[in-house]
Amino acid sequence: MSAMRTILTSIAAIAAVCSGLGMWKAVAPGEERKKEILKQLPESNPARMEESRNRNALMMQVLKDAADTNDNLARGYRSQK
């Protein structure tokens, strides 16, 4: 009886995985849709990519400045004494 239960449980697990993969395949976009999505990404537009680089550089500078100071920026600009 234990062997039969193990076999049925294994078959049920395999069926669940196969149905999940089947649903994933049905919902996933096709090659044409993937290409269309890639064309609309910000990285595909050089001007937007440069804006992102500048914004990231500014944020990194702010974080670097915050790490170099002893002020608690979360409470305001008062110095901790």
PDB file of N, CA and C in Angstrom:
ATOM      1  N   MET A   1       0.817  -1.191   0.000  1.00  0.00           N
ATOM      2  CA  MET A   1       0.000   0.000   0.000  1.00  0.00           C
ATOM      3  C   MET A   1       0.863   1.259   0.000  1.00  0.00           C
ATOM      4  N   SER A   2       1.991   1.187   0.697  1.00  0.00           N
ATOM      5  CA  SER A   2       2.888   2.328   0.766  1.00  0.00           C
ATOM      6  C   SER A   2       3.511   2.608  -0.602  1.00  0.00           C
ATOM      7  N   ALA A   3       3.830   1.562  -1.344  1.00  0.00           N
ATOM      8  CA  ALA A   3       4.415   1.737  -2.671  1.00  0.00           C
ATOM      9  C   ALA A   3       3.395   2.383  -3.616  1.00  0.00           C
ATOM     10  N   MET A   4       2.160   1.983  -3.526  1.00  0.00           N
ATOM     11  CA  MET A   4       1.111   2.551  -4.372  1.00  0.00           C
ATOM     12  C   MET A   4       0.913   4.035  -4.051  1.00  0.00           C
ATOM     13  N   ARG A   5       0.944   4.382  -2.772  1.00  0.00           N
ATOM     14  CA  ARG A   5       0.786   5.771  -2.356  1.00  0.00           C
ATOM     15  C   ARG A   5       1.956   6.611  -2.880  1.00  0.00           C
ATOM     16  N   THR A   6       3.180   6.056  -2.820  1.00  0.00           N
ATOM     17  CA  THR A   6       4.357   6.760  -3.323  1.00  0.00           C
ATOM     18  C   THR A   6       4.252   6.984  -4.825  1.00  0.00           C
ATOM     19  N   ILE A   7       3.815   5.980  -5.551  1.00  0.00           N
ATOM     20  CA  ILE A   7       3.667   6.099  -7.001  1.00  0.00           C
ATOM     21  C   ILE A   7       2.612   7.138  -7.347  1.00  0.00           C
ATOM     22  N   LEU A   8       1.477   7.096  -6.680  1.00  0.00           N
ATOM     23  CA  LEU A   8       0.410   8.077  -6.953  1.00  0.00           C
ATOM     24  C   LEU A   8       0.848   9.490  -6.593  1.00  0.00           C
ATOM     25  N   THR A   9       1.574   9.640  -5.489  1.00  0.00           N
ATOM     26  CA  THR A   9       2.074  10.952  -5.099  1.00  0.00           C
ATOM     27  C   THR A   9       3.075  11.473  -6.118  1.00  0.00           C
ATOM     28  N   SER A  10       3.951  10.616  -6.601  1.00  0.00           N
ATOM     29  CA  SER A  10       4.929  11.013  -7.618  1.00  0.00           C
ATOM     30  C   SER A  10       4.240  11.425  -8.910  1.00  0.00           C
ATOM     31  N   ILE A  11       3.244  10.652  -9.317  1.00  0.00           N
ATOM     32  CA  ILE A  11       2.501  10.988 -10.538  1.00  0.00           C
ATOM     33  C   ILE A  11       1.778  12.327 -10.375  1.00  0.00           C
ATOM     34  N   ALA A  12       1.204  12.557  -9.207  1.00  0.00           N
ATOM     35  CA  ALA A  12       0.508  13.828  -8.962  1.00  0.00           C
ATOM     36  C   ALA A  12       1.490  14.996  -8.986  1.00  0.00           C
ATOM     37  N   ALA A  13       2.672  14.803  -8.412  1.00  0.00           N
ATOM     38  CA  ALA A  13       3.679  15.874  -8.414  1.00  0.00           C
ATOM     39  C   ALA A  13       4.155  16.166  -9.830  1.00  0.00           C
ATOM     40  N   ILE A  14       4.396  15.118 -10.613  1.00  0.00           N
ATOM     41  CA  ILE A  14       4.834  15.305 -12.000  1.00  0.00           C
ATOM     42  C   ILE A  14       3.737  15.989 -12.815  1.00  0.00           C
ATOM     43  N   ALA A  15       2.498  15.620 -12.596  1.00  0.00           N
ATOM     44  CA  ALA A  15       1.381  16.243 -13.306  1.00  0.00           C
ATOM     45  C   ALA A  15       1.263  17.721 -12.938  1.00  0.00           C
ATOM     46  N   ALA A  16       1.471  18.047 -11.673  1.00  0.00           N
ATOM     47  CA  ALA A  16       1.396  19.447 -11.245  1.00  0.00           C
ATOM     48  C   ALA A  16       2.505  20.264 -11.893  1.00  0.00           C
ATOM     49  N   VAL A  17       3.706  19.728 -11.938  1.00  0.00           N
ATOM     50  CA  VAL A  17       4.826  20.438 -12.568  1.00  0.00           C
ATOM     51  C   VAL A  17       4.566  20.612 -14.059  1.00  0.00           C
ATOM     52  N   CYS A  18       4.099  19.574 -14.713  1.00  0.00           N
ATOM     53  CA  CYS A  18       3.817  19.662 -16.155  1.00  0.00           C
ATOM     54  C   CYS A  18       2.707  20.664 -16.459  1.00  0.00           C
ATOM     55  N   SER A  19       1.677  20.688 -15.632  1.00  0.00           N
ATOM     56  CA  SER A  19       0.605  21.661 -15.871  1.00  0.00           C
ATOM     57  C   SER A  19       1.111  23.080 -15.620  1.00  0.00           C
ATOM     58  N   GLY A  20       1.964  23.274 -14.636  1.00  0.00           N
ATOM     59  CA  GLY A  20       2.551  24.589 -14.393  1.00  0.00           C
ATOM     60  C   GLY A  20       3.411  25.049 -15.548  1.00  0.00           C
ATOM     61  N   LEU A  21       4.226  24.152 -16.078  1.00  0.00           N
ATOM     62  CA  LEU A  21       5.052  24.499 -17.237  1.00  0.00           C
ATOM     63  C   LEU A  21       4.191  24.789 -18.461  1.00  0.00           C
ATOM     64  N   GLY A  22       3.117  24.038 -18.620  1.00  0.00           N
ATOM     65  CA  GLY A  22       2.211  24.281 -19.739  1.00  0.00           C
ATOM     66  C   GLY A  22       1.551  25.652 -19.646  1.00  0.00           C
ATOM     67  N   MET A  23       1.123  26.022 -18.442  1.00  0.00           N
ATOM     68  CA  MET A  23       0.521  27.351 -18.264  1.00  0.00           C
ATOM     69  C   MET A  23       1.559  28.446 -18.489  1.00  0.00           C
ATOM     70  N   TRP A  24       2.797  28.221 -18.035  1.00  0.00           N
ATOM     71  CA  TRP A  24       3.870  29.199 -18.232  1.00  0.00           C
ATOM     72  C   TRP A  24       4.095  29.408 -19.735  1.00  0.00           C
ATOM     73  N   LYS A  25       4.133  28.323 -20.471  1.00  0.00           N
ATOM     74  CA  LYS A  25       4.337  28.398 -21.915  1.00  0.00           C
ATOM     75  C   LYS A  25       3.188  29.123 -22.601  1.00  0.00           C
ATOM     76  N   ALA A  26       1.972  28.919 -22.137  1.00  0.00           N
ATOM     77  CA  ALA A  26       0.806  29.561 -22.742  1.00  0.00           C
ATOM     78  C   ALA A  26       0.788  31.063 -22.482  1.00  0.00           C
ATOM     79  N   VAL A  27       1.302  31.494 -21.336  1.00  0.00           N
ATOM     80  CA  VAL A  27       1.250  32.907 -20.955  1.00  0.00           C
ATOM     81  C   VAL A  27       2.464  33.681 -21.455  1.00  0.00           C
ATOM     82  N   ALA A  28       3.595  33.016 -21.628  1.00  0.00           N
ATOM     83  CA  ALA A  28       4.838  33.686 -22.023  1.00  0.00           C
ATOM     84  C   ALA A  28       4.680  34.326 -23.402  1.00  0.00           C
ATOM     85  N   PRO A  29       5.262  35.535 -23.589  1.00  0.00           N
ATOM     86  CA  PRO A  29       5.147  36.198 -24.893  1.00  0.00           C
ATOM     87  C   PRO A  29       5.988  35.499 -25.953  1.00  0.00           C
ATOM     88  N   GLY A  30       5.564  35.650 -27.198  1.00  0.00           N
ATOM     89  CA  GLY A  30       6.285  35.063 -28.324  1.00  0.00           C
ATOM     90  C   GLY A  30       7.511  35.885 -28.676  1.00  0.00           C
ATOM     91  N   GLU A  31       8.243  35.437 -29.680  1.00  0.00           N
ATOM     92  CA  GLU A  31       9.476  36.119 -30.082  1.00  0.00           C
ATOM     93  C   GLU A  31       9.204  37.541 -30.570  1.00  0.00           C
ATOM     94  N   GLU A  32       8.155  37.732 -31.350  1.00  0.00           N
ATOM     95  CA  GLU A  32       7.846  39.070 -31.854  1.00  0.00           C
ATOM     96  C   GLU A  32       7.510  40.016 -30.711  1.00  0.00           C
ATOM     97  N   ARG A  33       6.744  39.535 -29.762  1.00  0.00           N
ATOM     98  CA  ARG A  33       6.372  40.368 -28.616  1.00  0.00           C
ATOM     99  C   ARG A  33       7.604  40.701 -27.779  1.00  0.00           C
ATOM    100  N   LYS A  34       8.520  39.746 -27.629  1.00  0.00           N
ATOM    101  CA  LYS A  34       9.757  40.002 -26.885  1.00  0.00           C
ATOM    102  C   LYS A  34      10.584  41.095 -27.552  1.00  0.00           C
ATOM    103  N   LYS A  35      10.681  41.038 -28.894  1.00  0.00           N
ATOM    104  CA  LYS A  35      11.431  42.064 -29.625  1.00  0.00           C
ATOM    105  C   LYS A  35      10.782  43.428 -29.468  1.00  0.00           C
ATOM    106  N   GLU A  36       9.458  43.464 -29.496  1.00  0.00           N
ATOM    107  CA  GLU A  36       8.732  44.727 -29.319  1.00  0.00           C
ATOM    108  C   GLU A  36       8.966  45.302 -27.932  1.00  0.00           C
ATOM    109  N   ILE A  37       8.957  44.441 -26.929  1.00  0.00           N
ATOM    110  CA  ILE A  37       9.199  44.883 -25.550  1.00  0.00           C
ATOM    111  C   ILE A  37      10.614  45.428 -25.424  1.00  0.00           C
ATOM    112  N   LEU A  38      11.592  44.753 -26.025  1.00  0.00           N
ATOM    113  CA  LEU A  38      12.982  45.208 -25.948  1.00  0.00           C
ATOM    114  C   LEU A  38      13.175  46.561 -26.623  1.00  0.00           C
ATOM    115  N   LYS A  39      12.427  46.826 -27.695  1.00  0.00           N
ATOM    116  CA  LYS A  39      12.537  48.118 -28.373  1.00  0.00           C
ATOM    117  C   LYS A  39      12.023  49.255 -27.499  1.00  0.00           C
ATOM    118  N   GLN A  40      11.092  48.969 -26.597  1.00  0.00           N
ATOM    119  CA  GLN A  40      10.483  50.010 -25.776  1.00  0.00           C
ATOM    120  C   GLN A  40      11.207  50.246 -24.454  1.00  0.00           C
ATOM    121  N   LEU A  41      12.236  49.469 -24.174  1.00  0.00           N
ATOM    122  CA  LEU A  41      12.975  49.651 -22.923  1.00  0.00           C
ATOM    123  C   LEU A  41      13.756  50.962 -22.954  1.00  0.00           C
ATOM    124  N   PRO A  42      13.944  51.577 -21.800  1.00  0.00           N
ATOM    125  CA  PRO A  42      14.700  52.840 -21.763  1.00  0.00           C
ATOM    126  C   PRO A  42      16.129  52.684 -22.267  1.00  0.00           C
ATOM    127  N   GLU A  43      16.715  51.512 -22.114  1.00  0.00           N
ATOM    128  CA  GLU A  43      18.092  51.310 -22.534  1.00  0.00           C
ATOM    129  C   GLU A  43      18.258  51.375 -24.047  1.00  0.00           C
ATOM    130  N   SER A  44      17.162  51.202 -24.784  1.00  0.00           N
ATOM    131  CA  SER A  44      17.258  51.238 -26.236  1.00  0.00           C
ATOM    132  C   SER A  44      17.292  52.669 -26.764  1.00  0.00           C
ATOM    133  N   ASN A  45      16.886  53.642 -25.962  1.00  0.00           N
ATOM    134  CA  ASN A  45      16.903  55.038 -26.357  1.00  0.00           C
ATOM    135  C   ASN A  45      18.149  55.693 -25.762  1.00  0.00           C
ATOM    136  N   PRO A  46      19.102  56.147 -26.590  1.00  0.00           N
ATOM    137  CA  PRO A  46      20.355  56.708 -26.061  1.00  0.00           C
ATOM    138  C   PRO A  46      20.156  57.926 -25.157  1.00  0.00           C
ATOM    139  N   ALA A  47      19.190  58.773 -25.469  1.00  0.00           N
ATOM    140  CA  ALA A  47      18.970  59.970 -24.649  1.00  0.00           C
ATOM    141  C   ALA A  47      18.475  59.587 -23.255  1.00  0.00           C
ATOM    142  N   ARG A  48      17.532  58.663 -23.185  1.00  0.00           N
ATOM    143  CA  ARG A  48      17.027  58.225 -21.878  1.00  0.00           C
ATOM    144  C   ARG A  48      18.086  57.469 -21.108  1.00  0.00           C
ATOM    145  N   MET A  49      18.933  56.729 -21.810  1.00  0.00           N
ATOM    146  CA  MET A  49      20.004  56.000 -21.144  1.00  0.00           C
ATOM    147  C   MET A  49      20.999  56.981 -20.521  1.00  0.00           C
ATOM    148  N   GLU A  50      21.304  58.055 -21.226  1.00  0.00           N
ATOM    149  CA  GLU A  50      22.221  59.070 -20.678  1.00  0.00           C
ATOM    150  C   GLU A  50      21.600  59.753 -19.458  1.00  0.00           C
ATOM    151  N   GLU A  51      20.294  60.023 -19.508  1.00  0.00           N
ATOM    152  CA  GLU A  51      19.611  60.585 -18.340  1.00  0.00           C
ATOM    153  C   GLU A  51      19.717  59.638 -17.148  1.00  0.00           C
ATOM    154  N   SER A  52      19.543  58.362 -17.399  1.00  0.00           N
ATOM    155  CA  SER A  52      19.646  57.372 -16.319  1.00  0.00           C
ATOM    156  C   SER A  52      21.050  57.340 -15.751  1.00  0.00           C
ATOM    157  N   ARG A  53      22.047  57.403 -16.605  1.00  0.00           N
ATOM    158  CA  ARG A  53      23.436  57.412 -16.128  1.00  0.00           C
ATOM    159  C   ARG A  53      23.710  58.643 -15.260  1.00  0.00           C
ATOM    160  N   ASN A  54      23.239  59.801 -15.727  1.00  0.00           N
ATOM    161  CA  ASN A  54      23.451  61.031 -14.950  1.00  0.00           C
ATOM    162  C   ASN A  54      22.738  60.963 -13.605  1.00  0.00           C
ATOM    163  N   ARG A  55      21.506  60.478 -13.603  1.00  0.00           N
ATOM    164  CA  ARG A  55      20.746  60.363 -12.363  1.00  0.00           C
ATOM    165  C   ARG A  55      21.424  59.380 -11.400  1.00  0.00           C
ATOM    166  N   ASN A  56      21.910  58.269 -11.924  1.00  0.00           N
ATOM    167  CA  ASN A  56      22.614  57.302 -11.086  1.00  0.00           C
ATOM    168  C   ASN A  56      23.910  57.883 -10.535  1.00  0.00           C
ATOM    169  N   ALA A  57      24.623  58.669 -11.352  1.00  0.00           N
ATOM    170  CA  ALA A  57      25.856  59.293 -10.875  1.00  0.00           C
ATOM    171  C   ALA A  57      25.557  60.287  -9.765  1.00  0.00           C
ATOM    172  N   LEU A  58      24.495  61.065  -9.925  1.00  0.00           N
ATOM    173  CA  LEU A  58      24.112  62.018  -8.878  1.00  0.00           C
ATOM    174  C   LEU A  58      23.730  61.302  -7.579  1.00  0.00           C
ATOM    175  N   MET A  59      22.977  60.215  -7.698  1.00  0.00           N
ATOM    176  CA  MET A  59      22.584  59.456  -6.509  1.00  0.00           C
ATOM    177  C   MET A  59      23.795  58.846  -5.821  1.00  0.00           C
ATOM    178  N   MET A  60      24.736  58.333  -6.593  1.00  0.00           N
ATOM    179  CA  MET A  60      25.945  57.772  -6.000  1.00  0.00           C
ATOM    180  C   MET A  60      26.750  58.849  -5.291  1.00  0.00           C
ATOM    181  N   GLN A  61      26.786  60.059  -5.854  1.00  0.00           N
ATOM    182  CA  GLN A  61      27.497  61.161  -5.211  1.00  0.00           C
ATOM    183  C   GLN A  61      26.819  61.544  -3.900  1.00  0.00           C
ATOM    184  N   VAL A  62      25.494  61.587  -3.889  1.00  0.00           N
ATOM    185  CA  VAL A  62      24.759  61.897  -2.662  1.00  0.00           C
ATOM    186  C   VAL A  62      25.027  60.832  -1.606  1.00  0.00           C
ATOM    187  N   LEU A  63      25.002  59.573  -1.997  1.00  0.00           N
ATOM    188  CA  LEU A  63      25.269  58.500  -1.039  1.00  0.00           C
ATOM    189  C   LEU A  63      26.703  58.557  -0.522  1.00  0.00           C
ATOM    190  N   LYS A  64      27.642  58.889  -1.402  1.00  0.00           N
ATOM    191  CA  LYS A  64      29.039  59.006  -0.979  1.00  0.00           C
ATOM    192  C   LYS A  64      29.205  60.158   0.005  1.00  0.00           C
ATOM    193  N   ASP A  65      28.565  61.283  -0.287  1.00  0.00           N
ATOM    194  CA  ASP A  65      28.631  62.426   0.630  1.00  0.00           C
ATOM    195  C   ASP A  65      27.997  62.087   1.971  1.00  0.00           C
ATOM    196  N   ALA A  66      26.898  61.373   1.948  1.00  0.00           N
ATOM    197  CA  ALA A  66      26.227  60.986   3.191  1.00  0.00           C
ATOM    198  C   ALA A  66      27.090  60.025   3.994  1.00  0.00           C
ATOM    199  N   ALA A  67      27.821  59.158   3.325  1.00  0.00           N
ATOM    200  CA  ALA A  67      28.680  58.210   4.030  1.00  0.00           C
ATOM    201  C   ALA A  67      29.894  58.910   4.634  1.00  0.00           C
ATOM    202  N   ASP A  68      30.334  60.004   4.019  1.00  0.00           N
ATOM    203  CA  ASP A  68      31.518  60.710   4.504  1.00  0.00           C
ATOM    204  C   ASP A  68      31.226  61.640   5.675  1.00  0.00           C
ATOM    205  N   THR A  69      29.982  61.989   5.902  1.00  0.00           N
ATOM    206  CA  THR A  69      29.649  62.948   6.955  1.00  0.00           C
ATOM    207  C   THR A  69      29.259  62.228   8.244  1.00  0.00           C
ATOM    208  N   ASN A  70      29.403  62.929   9.350  1.00  0.00           N
ATOM    209  CA  ASN A  70      28.990  62.382  10.641  1.00  0.00           C
ATOM    210  C   ASN A  70      27.579  62.821  11.003  1.00  0.00           C
ATOM    211  N   ASP A  71      26.984  63.686  10.198  1.00  0.00           N
ATOM    212  CA  ASP A  71      25.631  64.158  10.477  1.00  0.00           C
ATOM    213  C   ASP A  71      24.632  63.035  10.239  1.00  0.00           C
ATOM    214  N   ASN A  72      23.596  63.032  11.043  1.00  0.00           N
ATOM    215  CA  ASN A  72      22.513  62.082  10.855  1.00  0.00           C
ATOM    216  C   ASN A  72      21.506  62.724   9.913  1.00  0.00           C
ATOM    217  N   LEU A  73      21.562  62.365   8.663  1.00  0.00           N
ATOM    218  CA  LEU A  73      20.717  63.003   7.664  1.00  0.00           C
ATOM    219  C   LEU A  73      19.256  62.611   7.797  1.00  0.00           C
ATOM    220  N   ALA A  74      18.976  61.511   8.464  1.00  0.00           N
ATOM    221  CA  ALA A  74      17.587  61.083   8.650  1.00  0.00           C
ATOM    222  C   ALA A  74      16.851  61.992   9.631  1.00  0.00           C
ATOM    223  N   ARG A  75      17.580  62.598  10.566  1.00  0.00           N
ATOM    224  CA  ARG A  75      16.936  63.481  11.552  1.00  0.00           C
ATOM    225  C   ARG A  75      16.991  64.940  11.150  1.00  0.00           C
ATOM    226  N   GLY A  76      17.692  65.269  10.123  1.00  0.00           N
ATOM    227  CA  GLY A  76      17.822  66.644   9.703  1.00  0.00           C
ATOM    228  C   GLY A  76      19.281  66.962   9.498  1.00  0.00           C
ATOM    229  N   TYR A  77      19.612  68.227   9.472  1.00  0.00           N
ATOM    230  CA  TYR A  77      20.988  68.635   9.217  1.00  0.00           C
ATOM    231  C   TYR A  77      21.698  69.085  10.468  1.00  0.00           C
ATOM    232  N   ARG A  78      21.229  68.652  11.635  1.00  0.00           N
ATOM    233  CA  ARG A  78      21.917  68.985  12.877  1.00  0.00           C
ATOM    234  C   ARG A  78      23.074  68.033  13.096  1.00  0.00           C
ATOM    235  N   SER A  79      24.141  68.518  13.644  1.00  0.00           N
ATOM    236  CA  SER A  79      25.285  67.674  13.949  1.00  0.00           C
ATOM    237  C   SER A  79      25.038  66.905  15.230  1.00  0.00           C
ATOM    238  N   GLN A  80      25.526  65.681  15.263  1.00  0.00           N
ATOM    239  CA  GLN A  80      25.434  64.864  16.472  1.00  0.00           C
ATOM    240  C   GLN A  80      26.601  65.195  17.377  1.00  0.00           C
ATOM    241  N   LYS A  81      26.332  65.579  18.627  1.00  0.00           N
ATOM    242  CA  LYS A  81      27.419  65.910  19.564  1.00  0.00           C
ATOM    243  C   LYS A  81      27.338  65.040  20.772  1.00  0.00           C
TER     244      LYS A  81
END
